[in-house]
Amino acid sequence: MPKKNDELTETEKSPFEVGDVVGFKIKKDDFTGTIEKGYKNAFLVSFKTDDPDILDSYHDKTVINWKDLTMIKQAPRPEKVEEEPKEDEPEK
């Protein structure tokens, strides 16, 4: 079922955004990475590892559900600018 224009996706509800440094687990090992892209309910995270098995399987990137991520460092957020009412619209 397609999303309605006024509905938020799961990642839009999450506290994470592109550029955030996050922690996560792969095969019971802890890793730290940077969010590169958001999907409907998960994020593409890039990370570095010296483990040849992990490197061969994941190639320094993985997709992880946002509920399995922990925030390590939040990227700077742009300030939200409130929209001014248009001239032909009465103020509330």
N, C-alpha and C. Protein backbone atom coordinates (compact mmCIF):
# COMPACT_ATOMS: atom_id res chain seq x y z
N MET A 1 0.84 -1.17 0.00
CA MET A 1 0.00 0.00 0.00
C MET A 1 0.89 1.24 0.00
N PRO A 2 0.71 2.14 -0.96
CA PRO A 2 1.56 3.32 -1.03
C PRO A 2 1.32 4.27 0.14
N LYS A 3 2.35 5.01 0.45
CA LYS A 3 2.27 5.95 1.57
C LYS A 3 1.48 7.18 1.13
N LYS A 4 0.69 7.71 2.05
CA LYS A 4 -0.04 8.95 1.80
C LYS A 4 0.91 10.11 2.01
N ASN A 5 0.61 11.24 1.40
CA ASN A 5 1.50 12.40 1.48
C ASN A 5 1.73 12.89 2.90
N ASP A 6 0.74 12.73 3.77
CA ASP A 6 0.90 13.25 5.13
C ASP A 6 1.43 12.20 6.11
N GLU A 7 1.72 10.99 5.64
CA GLU A 7 2.25 9.94 6.51
C GLU A 7 3.78 9.96 6.51
N LEU A 8 4.37 9.70 7.67
CA LEU A 8 5.82 9.61 7.77
C LEU A 8 6.24 8.16 7.60
N THR A 9 7.38 7.93 6.95
CA THR A 9 7.92 6.58 6.88
C THR A 9 8.58 6.27 8.21
N GLU A 10 8.93 5.01 8.41
CA GLU A 10 9.57 4.61 9.67
C GLU A 10 10.88 5.36 9.89
N THR A 11 11.68 5.56 8.83
CA THR A 11 12.95 6.27 9.01
C THR A 11 12.73 7.75 9.29
N GLU A 12 11.66 8.32 8.78
CA GLU A 12 11.36 9.73 9.09
C GLU A 12 10.96 9.89 10.55
N LYS A 13 10.41 8.84 11.15
CA LYS A 13 10.06 8.85 12.58
C LYS A 13 11.28 8.60 13.46
N SER A 14 12.33 8.04 12.88
CA SER A 14 13.51 7.67 13.67
C SER A 14 14.34 8.91 14.02
N PRO A 15 15.19 8.79 15.04
CA PRO A 15 16.05 9.92 15.43
C PRO A 15 17.29 10.06 14.56
N PHE A 16 17.46 9.20 13.56
CA PHE A 16 18.67 9.18 12.74
C PHE A 16 18.47 9.90 11.42
N GLU A 17 19.59 10.46 10.90
CA GLU A 17 19.59 11.09 9.58
C GLU A 17 20.91 10.79 8.90
N VAL A 18 20.96 11.06 7.60
CA VAL A 18 22.18 10.85 6.83
C VAL A 18 23.31 11.67 7.44
N GLY A 19 24.47 11.05 7.61
CA GLY A 19 25.63 11.71 8.19
C GLY A 19 25.87 11.38 9.65
N ASP A 20 24.87 10.81 10.32
CA ASP A 20 25.04 10.43 11.73
C ASP A 20 26.02 9.28 11.85
N VAL A 21 26.81 9.29 12.92
CA VAL A 21 27.70 8.17 13.24
C VAL A 21 26.93 7.28 14.21
N VAL A 22 26.81 6.00 13.86
CA VAL A 22 25.98 5.07 14.63
C VAL A 22 26.75 3.81 14.99
N GLY A 23 26.27 3.12 16.00
CA GLY A 23 26.83 1.83 16.40
C GLY A 23 25.84 0.73 16.06
N PHE A 24 26.36 -0.47 15.77
CA PHE A 24 25.51 -1.60 15.41
C PHE A 24 26.30 -2.88 15.58
N LYS A 25 25.63 -4.02 15.49
CA LYS A 25 26.28 -5.32 15.63
C LYS A 25 26.15 -6.12 14.34
N ILE A 26 27.24 -6.80 13.99
CA ILE A 26 27.24 -7.78 12.90
C ILE A 26 27.89 -9.03 13.46
N LYS A 27 27.18 -10.13 13.41
CA LYS A 27 27.70 -11.41 13.92
C LYS A 27 28.25 -11.27 15.34
N LYS A 28 27.50 -10.61 16.19
CA LYS A 28 27.83 -10.41 17.61
C LYS A 28 29.04 -9.50 17.86
N ASP A 29 29.58 -8.88 16.82
CA ASP A 29 30.69 -7.93 16.97
C ASP A 29 30.15 -6.50 16.83
N ASP A 30 30.70 -5.58 17.63
CA ASP A 30 30.27 -4.18 17.58
C ASP A 30 31.04 -3.43 16.50
N PHE A 31 30.32 -2.58 15.76
CA PHE A 31 30.92 -1.75 14.71
C PHE A 31 30.38 -0.34 14.83
N THR A 32 31.13 0.59 14.26
CA THR A 32 30.73 1.99 14.17
C THR A 32 30.77 2.37 12.70
N GLY A 33 29.74 3.10 12.25
CA GLY A 33 29.69 3.50 10.85
C GLY A 33 28.93 4.80 10.68
N THR A 34 28.85 5.25 9.44
CA THR A 34 28.18 6.50 9.09
C THR A 34 27.00 6.20 8.17
N ILE A 35 25.85 6.79 8.47
CA ILE A 35 24.66 6.61 7.64
C ILE A 35 24.86 7.33 6.32
N GLU A 36 24.66 6.61 5.22
CA GLU A 36 24.82 7.19 3.89
C GLU A 36 23.49 7.45 3.20
N LYS A 37 22.47 6.61 3.48
CA LYS A 37 21.20 6.73 2.78
C LYS A 37 20.09 6.14 3.63
N GLY A 38 18.90 6.72 3.54
CA GLY A 38 17.76 6.20 4.27
C GLY A 38 16.79 5.48 3.35
N TYR A 39 16.21 4.42 3.85
CA TYR A 39 15.18 3.67 3.13
C TYR A 39 13.90 3.74 3.94
N LYS A 40 12.90 2.93 3.60
CA LYS A 40 11.61 2.99 4.27
C LYS A 40 11.72 2.74 5.77
N ASN A 41 12.46 1.72 6.18
CA ASN A 41 12.59 1.42 7.61
C ASN A 41 14.01 1.03 8.00
N ALA A 42 14.98 1.39 7.16
CA ALA A 42 16.38 1.02 7.42
C ALA A 42 17.30 2.08 6.83
N PHE A 43 18.59 1.93 7.15
CA PHE A 43 19.60 2.85 6.63
C PHE A 43 20.77 2.07 6.04
N LEU A 44 21.38 2.64 5.00
CA LEU A 44 22.63 2.12 4.46
C LEU A 44 23.75 2.74 5.29
N VAL A 45 24.57 1.88 5.91
CA VAL A 45 25.64 2.34 6.79
C VAL A 45 26.97 1.87 6.24
N SER A 46 27.94 2.79 6.10
CA SER A 46 29.29 2.42 5.69
C SER A 46 30.15 2.30 6.94
N PHE A 47 31.07 1.33 6.93
CA PHE A 47 31.93 1.11 8.10
C PHE A 47 33.24 0.51 7.64
N LYS A 48 34.22 0.49 8.52
CA LYS A 48 35.54 -0.09 8.23
C LYS A 48 35.78 -1.27 9.15
N THR A 49 36.44 -2.30 8.61
CA THR A 49 36.80 -3.47 9.41
C THR A 49 38.07 -4.10 8.85
N ASP A 50 38.80 -4.75 9.73
CA ASP A 50 39.99 -5.50 9.31
C ASP A 50 39.71 -7.00 9.25
N ASP A 51 38.51 -7.42 9.69
CA ASP A 51 38.13 -8.83 9.68
C ASP A 51 37.88 -9.27 8.24
N PRO A 52 38.68 -10.21 7.71
CA PRO A 52 38.52 -10.61 6.31
C PRO A 52 37.16 -11.26 6.00
N ASP A 53 36.57 -11.98 6.96
CA ASP A 53 35.26 -12.59 6.73
C ASP A 53 34.16 -11.53 6.60
N ILE A 54 34.19 -10.55 7.48
CA ILE A 54 33.21 -9.46 7.43
C ILE A 54 33.42 -8.63 6.17
N LEU A 55 34.66 -8.32 5.85
CA LEU A 55 34.99 -7.54 4.66
C LEU A 55 34.51 -8.24 3.40
N ASP A 56 34.73 -9.56 3.31
CA ASP A 56 34.31 -10.34 2.14
C ASP A 56 32.79 -10.38 2.01
N SER A 57 32.09 -10.45 3.13
CA SER A 57 30.63 -10.56 3.10
C SER A 57 29.93 -9.21 2.90
N TYR A 58 30.47 -8.15 3.48
CA TYR A 58 29.76 -6.87 3.52
C TYR A 58 30.39 -5.75 2.69
N HIS A 59 31.66 -5.86 2.34
CA HIS A 59 32.35 -4.84 1.52
C HIS A 59 32.21 -3.44 2.11
N ASP A 60 32.34 -3.32 3.44
CA ASP A 60 32.31 -2.05 4.16
C ASP A 60 30.97 -1.32 4.13
N LYS A 61 29.88 -2.00 3.73
CA LYS A 61 28.55 -1.38 3.75
C LYS A 61 27.53 -2.43 4.15
N THR A 62 26.48 -1.96 4.84
CA THR A 62 25.38 -2.86 5.19
C THR A 62 24.11 -2.05 5.37
N VAL A 63 22.97 -2.71 5.22
CA VAL A 63 21.67 -2.09 5.46
C VAL A 63 21.14 -2.63 6.78
N ILE A 64 20.80 -1.72 7.70
CA ILE A 64 20.36 -2.12 9.04
C ILE A 64 19.08 -1.38 9.40
N ASN A 65 18.13 -2.11 9.99
CA ASN A 65 16.90 -1.50 10.49
C ASN A 65 17.27 -0.44 11.52
N TRP A 66 16.60 0.69 11.47
CA TRP A 66 16.96 1.80 12.36
C TRP A 66 16.78 1.46 13.83
N LYS A 67 15.94 0.48 14.14
CA LYS A 67 15.73 0.09 15.54
C LYS A 67 16.95 -0.65 16.10
N ASP A 68 17.83 -1.13 15.23
CA ASP A 68 19.04 -1.84 15.66
C ASP A 68 20.27 -0.94 15.72
N LEU A 69 20.09 0.36 15.52
CA LEU A 69 21.20 1.31 15.55
C LEU A 69 21.21 2.07 16.88
N THR A 70 22.40 2.48 17.29
CA THR A 70 22.53 3.37 18.45
C THR A 70 23.31 4.61 18.02
N MET A 71 22.86 5.76 18.48
CA MET A 71 23.49 7.03 18.10
C MET A 71 24.83 7.18 18.82
N ILE A 72 25.87 7.49 18.06
CA ILE A 72 27.18 7.78 18.64
C ILE A 72 27.46 9.27 18.51
N LYS A 73 27.27 9.81 17.30
CA LYS A 73 27.47 11.25 17.10
C LYS A 73 26.47 11.72 16.05
N GLN A 74 25.68 12.70 16.43
CA GLN A 74 24.67 13.24 15.54
C GLN A 74 25.30 14.24 14.58
N ALA A 75 24.96 14.13 13.31
CA ALA A 75 25.43 15.09 12.31
C ALA A 75 24.72 16.42 12.52
N PRO A 76 25.32 17.53 12.10
CA PRO A 76 24.65 18.83 12.24
C PRO A 76 23.32 18.83 11.48
N ARG A 77 22.31 19.38 12.11
CA ARG A 77 20.98 19.46 11.51
C ARG A 77 20.75 20.89 11.02
N PRO A 78 20.17 21.04 9.82
CA PRO A 78 19.84 22.40 9.37
C PRO A 78 18.71 22.96 10.22
N GLU A 79 18.76 24.26 10.44
CA GLU A 79 17.70 24.88 11.23
C GLU A 79 16.43 24.90 10.40
N LYS A 80 15.32 24.58 11.05
CA LYS A 80 14.04 24.60 10.35
C LYS A 80 13.51 26.02 10.35
N VAL A 81 13.14 26.50 9.16
CA VAL A 81 12.60 27.84 9.02
C VAL A 81 11.09 27.72 8.90
N GLU A 82 10.39 28.46 9.76
CA GLU A 82 8.94 28.43 9.69
C GLU A 82 8.49 29.21 8.47
N GLU A 83 7.47 28.68 7.80
CA GLU A 83 6.95 29.36 6.62
C GLU A 83 6.11 30.55 7.06
N GLU A 84 6.30 31.66 6.34
CA GLU A 84 5.49 32.84 6.62
C GLU A 84 4.19 32.70 5.86
N PRO A 85 3.08 33.22 6.42
CA PRO A 85 1.81 33.13 5.70
C PRO A 85 1.87 33.95 4.42
N LYS A 86 1.20 33.45 3.39
CA LYS A 86 1.16 34.18 2.13
C LYS A 86 0.33 35.44 2.31
N GLU A 87 0.55 36.43 1.44
CA GLU A 87 -0.13 37.71 1.58
C GLU A 87 -1.64 37.59 1.44
N ASP A 88 -2.11 36.68 0.60
CA ASP A 88 -3.55 36.56 0.38
C ASP A 88 -4.23 35.64 1.40
N GLU A 89 -3.45 35.04 2.31
CA GLU A 89 -4.03 34.18 3.34
C GLU A 89 -4.10 34.96 4.66
N PRO A 90 -5.23 34.87 5.36
CA PRO A 90 -5.30 35.55 6.66
C PRO A 90 -4.45 34.82 7.69
N GLU A 91 -3.88 35.58 8.63
CA GLU A 91 -3.07 34.96 9.69
C GLU A 91 -3.99 34.29 10.69
N LYS A 92 -3.50 33.24 11.32
CA LYS A 92 -4.32 32.50 12.29
C LYS A 92 -4.15 33.09 13.66
